[in-house]
C-alpha atoms as a PDB file:
ATOM      1  CA  MET A   1      23.328  24.626 -10.074  1.00  0.00           C
ATOM      2  CA  SER A   2      22.989  25.184  -6.332  1.00  0.00           C
ATOM      3  CA  LEU A   3      24.261  22.715  -3.769  1.00  0.00           C
ATOM      4  CA  GLU A   4      20.676  21.704  -2.957  1.00  0.00           C
ATOM      5  CA  GLN A   5      19.952  21.085  -6.648  1.00  0.00           C
ATOM      6  CA  ARG A   6      23.139  19.040  -7.038  1.00  0.00           C
ATOM      7  CA  ILE A   7      22.241  16.914  -4.009  1.00  0.00           C
ATOM      8  CA  ALA A   8      18.684  16.388  -5.314  1.00  0.00           C
ATOM      9  CA  HIS A   9      20.135  15.388  -8.699  1.00  0.00           C
ATOM     10  CA  LEU A  10      22.495  12.848  -7.120  1.00  0.00           C
ATOM     11  CA  GLU A  11      19.725  11.471  -4.904  1.00  0.00           C
ATOM     12  CA  ALA A  12      17.475  10.999  -7.943  1.00  0.00           C
ATOM     13  CA  LEU A  13      20.211   9.155  -9.851  1.00  0.00           C
ATOM     14  CA  ASP A  14      20.853   6.896  -6.864  1.00  0.00           C
ATOM     15  CA  ALA A  15      17.135   6.172  -6.407  1.00  0.00           C
ATOM     16  CA  ILE A  16      16.855   5.172 -10.085  1.00  0.00           C
ATOM     17  CA  ARG A  17      19.882   2.876  -9.814  1.00  0.00           C
ATOM     18  CA  GLN A  18      18.350   1.310  -6.694  1.00  0.00           C
ATOM     19  CA  LEU A  19      15.054   0.818  -8.547  1.00  0.00           C
ATOM     20  CA  LYS A  20      16.706  -1.053 -11.410  1.00  0.00           C
ATOM     21  CA  HIS A  21      18.812  -3.188  -9.056  1.00  0.00           C
ATOM     22  CA  ARG A  22      15.693  -3.967  -6.996  1.00  0.00           C
ATOM     23  CA  TYR A  23      14.002  -5.114 -10.220  1.00  0.00           C
ATOM     24  CA  PHE A  24      16.927  -7.381 -11.209  1.00  0.00           C
ATOM     25  CA  ASN A  25      17.178  -8.881  -7.714  1.00  0.00           C
ATOM     26  CA  ALA A  26      13.420  -9.416  -7.476  1.00  0.00           C
ATOM     27  CA  CYS A  27      13.468 -11.256 -10.811  1.00  0.00           C
ATOM     28  CA  ASP A  28      16.210 -13.571  -9.538  1.00  0.00           C
ATOM     29  CA  LEU A  29      14.422 -14.143  -6.223  1.00  0.00           C
ATOM     30  CA  LYS A  30      10.982 -14.533  -7.858  1.00  0.00           C
ATOM     31  CA  GLN A  31       9.530 -11.721  -5.744  1.00  0.00           C
ATOM     32  CA  VAL A  32       6.481 -11.012  -7.870  1.00  0.00           C
ATOM     33  CA  ALA A  33       5.071  -8.192  -5.717  1.00  0.00           C
ATOM     34  CA  VAL A  34       8.418  -6.366  -5.752  1.00  0.00           C
ATOM     35  CA  ILE A  35       8.689  -6.717  -9.534  1.00  0.00           C
ATOM     36  CA  ARG A  36       5.168  -5.330  -9.940  1.00  0.00           C
ATOM     37  CA  ASP A  37       5.951  -2.385  -7.666  1.00  0.00           C
ATOM     38  CA  CYS A  38       8.971  -1.368  -9.779  1.00  0.00           C
ATOM     39  CA  PHE A  39       6.569  -0.303 -12.551  1.00  0.00           C
ATOM     40  CA  ALA A  40       4.073   2.543 -12.579  1.00  0.00           C
ATOM     41  CA  GLU A  41       0.354   1.834 -12.463  1.00  0.00           C
ATOM     42  CA  GLY A  42      -1.710   2.331 -15.584  1.00  0.00           C
ATOM     43  CA  GLU A  43      -0.482   2.417 -19.157  1.00  0.00           C
ATOM     44  CA  ILE A  44       3.246   1.796 -19.532  1.00  0.00           C
ATOM     45  CA  LEU A  45       5.438   0.048 -22.097  1.00  0.00           C
ATOM     46  CA  ILE A  46       7.402  -3.125 -21.472  1.00  0.00           C
ATOM     47  CA  ASP A  47       8.933  -4.353 -24.726  1.00  0.00           C
ATOM     48  CA  TYR A  48      10.945  -7.520 -24.260  1.00  0.00           C
ATOM     49  CA  GLY A  49      11.019  -8.460 -27.939  1.00  0.00           C
ATOM     50  CA  PRO A  50      10.278 -12.166 -28.492  1.00  0.00           C
ATOM     51  CA  VAL A  51       9.052 -12.517 -24.891  1.00  0.00           C
ATOM     52  CA  GLY A  52       6.304  -9.976 -25.563  1.00  0.00           C
ATOM     53  CA  VAL A  53       5.135  -6.380 -25.478  1.00  0.00           C
ATOM     54  CA  PHE A  54       3.050  -5.345 -22.483  1.00  0.00           C
ATOM     55  CA  ARG A  55       1.073  -2.131 -21.906  1.00  0.00           C
ATOM     56  CA  ASP A  56       0.557  -2.591 -18.178  1.00  0.00           C
ATOM     57  CA  ARG A  57       2.496  -4.147 -15.342  1.00  0.00           C
ATOM     58  CA  ASP A  58      -0.069  -6.813 -14.468  1.00  0.00           C
ATOM     59  CA  SER A  59       0.002  -8.514 -17.872  1.00  0.00           C
ATOM     60  CA  PHE A  60       3.809  -8.645 -17.713  1.00  0.00           C
ATOM     61  CA  VAL A  61       3.801  -9.982 -14.146  1.00  0.00           C
ATOM     62  CA  ALA A  62       1.295 -12.696 -15.111  1.00  0.00           C
ATOM     63  CA  LEU A  63       3.614 -13.982 -17.849  1.00  0.00           C
ATOM     64  CA  TYR A  64       6.650 -13.678 -15.551  1.00  0.00           C
ATOM     65  CA  GLN A  65       4.892 -15.852 -12.940  1.00  0.00           C
ATOM     66  CA  GLN A  66       3.998 -18.459 -15.553  1.00  0.00           C
ATOM     67  CA  LEU A  67       7.502 -18.679 -17.073  1.00  0.00           C
ATOM     68  CA  ALA A  68       9.905 -17.959 -14.214  1.00  0.00           C
ATOM     69  CA  CYS A  69       8.201 -18.936 -10.965  1.00  0.00           C
ATOM     70  CA  GLN A  70       9.052 -22.601 -11.316  1.00  0.00           C
ATOM     71  CA  ASP A  71      11.387 -24.446  -8.945  1.00  0.00           C
ATOM     72  CA  ARG A  72      13.518 -25.650 -11.862  1.00  0.00           C
ATOM     73  CA  VAL A  73      14.120 -22.091 -13.206  1.00  0.00           C
ATOM     74  CA  ILE A  74      17.253 -20.426 -11.860  1.00  0.00           C
ATOM     75  CA  ASP A  75      17.935 -16.908 -13.172  1.00  0.00           C
ATOM     76  CA  LEU A  76      20.740 -14.401 -12.671  1.00  0.00           C
ATOM     77  CA  HIS A  77      20.316 -10.847 -13.958  1.00  0.00           C
ATOM     78  CA  HIS A  78      23.387  -8.607 -13.870  1.00  0.00           C
ATOM     79  CA  GLY A  79      22.787  -5.001 -14.884  1.00  0.00           C
ATOM     80  CA  ALA A  80      25.847  -2.861 -15.515  1.00  0.00           C
ATOM     81  CA  ASN A  81      27.165   0.322 -17.066  1.00  0.00           C
ATOM     82  CA  PRO A  82      24.153   2.511 -16.319  1.00  0.00           C
ATOM     83  CA  GLU A  83      23.877   5.817 -18.150  1.00  0.00           C
ATOM     84  CA  ILE A  84      21.068   7.780 -16.518  1.00  0.00           C
ATOM     85  CA  GLN A  85      19.993  11.274 -17.493  1.00  0.00           C
ATOM     86  CA  LEU A  86      17.412  13.376 -15.697  1.00  0.00           C
ATOM     87  CA  THR A  87      15.191  15.031 -18.279  1.00  0.00           C
ATOM     88  CA  SER A  88      13.211  17.006 -15.653  1.00  0.00           C
ATOM     89  CA  ASP A  89      12.751  16.975 -11.882  1.00  0.00           C
ATOM     90  CA  ASP A  90      10.422  13.977 -12.189  1.00  0.00           C
ATOM     91  CA  GLU A  91      11.456  12.252 -15.433  1.00  0.00           C
ATOM     92  CA  ALA A  92      14.584  10.394 -16.495  1.00  0.00           C
ATOM     93  CA  GLN A  93      15.888   8.008 -19.104  1.00  0.00           C
ATOM     94  CA  GLY A  94      18.551   5.363 -18.870  1.00  0.00           C
ATOM     95  CA  ARG A  95      20.536   2.717 -20.665  1.00  0.00           C
ATOM     96  CA  TRP A  96      21.741  -0.461 -18.973  1.00  0.00           C
ATOM     97  CA  ALA A  97      23.775  -3.420 -20.174  1.00  0.00           C
ATOM     98  CA  LEU A  98      22.423  -6.813 -19.142  1.00  0.00           C
ATOM     99  CA  TYR A  99      24.135 -10.138 -18.704  1.00  0.00           C
ATOM    100  CA  TYR A 100      21.560 -12.840 -18.014  1.00  0.00           C
ATOM    101  CA  PHE A 101      22.193 -16.478 -17.132  1.00  0.00           C
ATOM    102  CA  ASN A 102      19.427 -19.077 -16.925  1.00  0.00           C
ATOM    103  CA  LEU A 103      19.711 -22.675 -15.743  1.00  0.00           C
ATOM    104  CA  ASP A 104      17.003 -25.304 -16.015  1.00  0.00           C
ATOM    105  CA  GLY A 105      17.594 -27.163 -12.757  1.00  0.00           C
ATOM    106  CA  GLU A 106      15.960 -30.319 -14.078  1.00  0.00           C
ATOM    107  CA  SER A 107      17.534 -30.721 -17.505  1.00  0.00           C
ATOM    108  CA  GLY A 108      20.770 -28.790 -16.930  1.00  0.00           C
ATOM    109  CA  ALA A 109      20.186 -26.680 -20.054  1.00  0.00           C
ATOM    110  CA  THR A 110      21.582 -23.153 -19.892  1.00  0.00           C
ATOM    111  CA  ARG A 111      21.023 -19.874 -21.681  1.00  0.00           C
ATOM    112  CA  GLN A 112      23.220 -16.791 -21.579  1.00  0.00           C
ATOM    113  CA  LEU A 113      21.977 -13.516 -22.941  1.00  0.00           C
ATOM    114  CA  GLY A 114      23.580 -10.124 -23.389  1.00  0.00           C
ATOM    115  CA  GLY A 115      21.799  -6.963 -24.394  1.00  0.00           C
ATOM    116  CA  ILE A 116      20.714  -3.425 -23.690  1.00  0.00           C
ATOM    117  CA  TYR A 117      17.774  -1.963 -21.782  1.00  0.00           C
ATOM    118  CA  LEU A 118      16.504   1.482 -22.752  1.00  0.00           C
ATOM    119  CA  ASP A 119      14.339   2.791 -19.919  1.00  0.00           C
ATOM    120  CA  ARG A 120      12.207   5.780 -18.997  1.00  0.00           C
ATOM    121  CA  TYR A 121      11.420   6.601 -15.390  1.00  0.00           C
ATOM    122  CA  ARG A 122       8.966   8.894 -13.618  1.00  0.00           C
ATOM    123  CA  ARG A 123       8.828  10.034 -10.005  1.00  0.00           C
ATOM    124  CA  ILE A 124       5.303   9.354  -8.761  1.00  0.00           C
ATOM    125  CA  ASP A 125       4.336  10.348  -5.222  1.00  0.00           C
ATOM    126  CA  GLY A 126       8.029  10.672  -4.379  1.00  0.00           C
ATOM    127  CA  GLN A 127       8.992   7.216  -5.724  1.00  0.00           C
ATOM    128  CA  TRP A 128      10.796   6.503  -8.994  1.00  0.00           C
ATOM    129  CA  LYS A 129       9.003   3.962 -11.197  1.00  0.00           C
ATOM    130  CA  LEU A 130       9.651   2.416 -14.587  1.00  0.00           C
ATOM    131  CA  ILE A 131       7.216   3.734 -17.202  1.00  0.00           C
ATOM    132  CA  GLU A 132       8.977   2.257 -20.223  1.00  0.00           C
ATOM    133  CA  THR A 133      11.578  -0.448 -20.670  1.00  0.00           C
ATOM    134  CA  CYS A 134      12.704  -1.914 -23.974  1.00  0.00           C
ATOM    135  CA  PHE A 135      15.253  -4.706 -24.166  1.00  0.00           C
ATOM    136  CA  SER A 136      17.191  -5.767 -27.221  1.00  0.00           C
ATOM    137  CA  ALA A 137      19.507  -8.740 -27.168  1.00  0.00           C
ATOM    138  CA  HIS A 138      22.828  -8.673 -28.974  1.00  0.00           C
ATOM    139  CA  SER A 139      24.065 -12.142 -28.024  1.00  0.00           C
ATOM    140  CA  VAL A 140      22.526 -15.466 -27.026  1.00  0.00           C
ATOM    141  CA  VAL A 141      24.339 -18.674 -26.128  1.00  0.00           C
ATOM    142  CA  VAL A 142      22.333 -21.830 -25.467  1.00  0.00           C
ATOM    143  CA  GLY A 143      23.902 -24.882 -23.846  1.00  0.00           C
ATOM    144  CA  GLN A 144      22.435 -28.344 -23.680  1.00  0.00           C
ATOM    145  CA  ALA A 145      22.857 -30.591 -20.662  1.00  0.00           C
ATOM    146  CA  GLY A 146      25.823 -32.936 -20.999  1.00  0.00           C
ATOM    147  CA  ALA A 147      27.277 -30.998 -23.928  1.00  0.00           C
END
């Protein structure tokens, strides 16, 4: 692999990491337009298990707004341990661990969730976008206020 190819490879990996971190941060900050922009236009796959399966970004974003964009909802998404593999110049796949913490600011109830994201990415017009993301939880802890 030439030096130019190695640099392009590293830049692609960094851009994909930045994309996923931008998604996590936008979810925590309730930045709906940023969340939407992390996904490709058209048919994609977002499979969040019990939360739902979505075939386009707008249907996912609509549910996100309904569930998460409430003053009482406080979320923290921490993505870690990324394993990203370029499958071509413009395609990649990745695996991320997630630790998620949710607090209901009114009731004090909490939820902690651990799991794995399996993602596919595509470079479209020079920008990396999510084209598929599937999350499976492996641990859930629910706490009640005052407990």
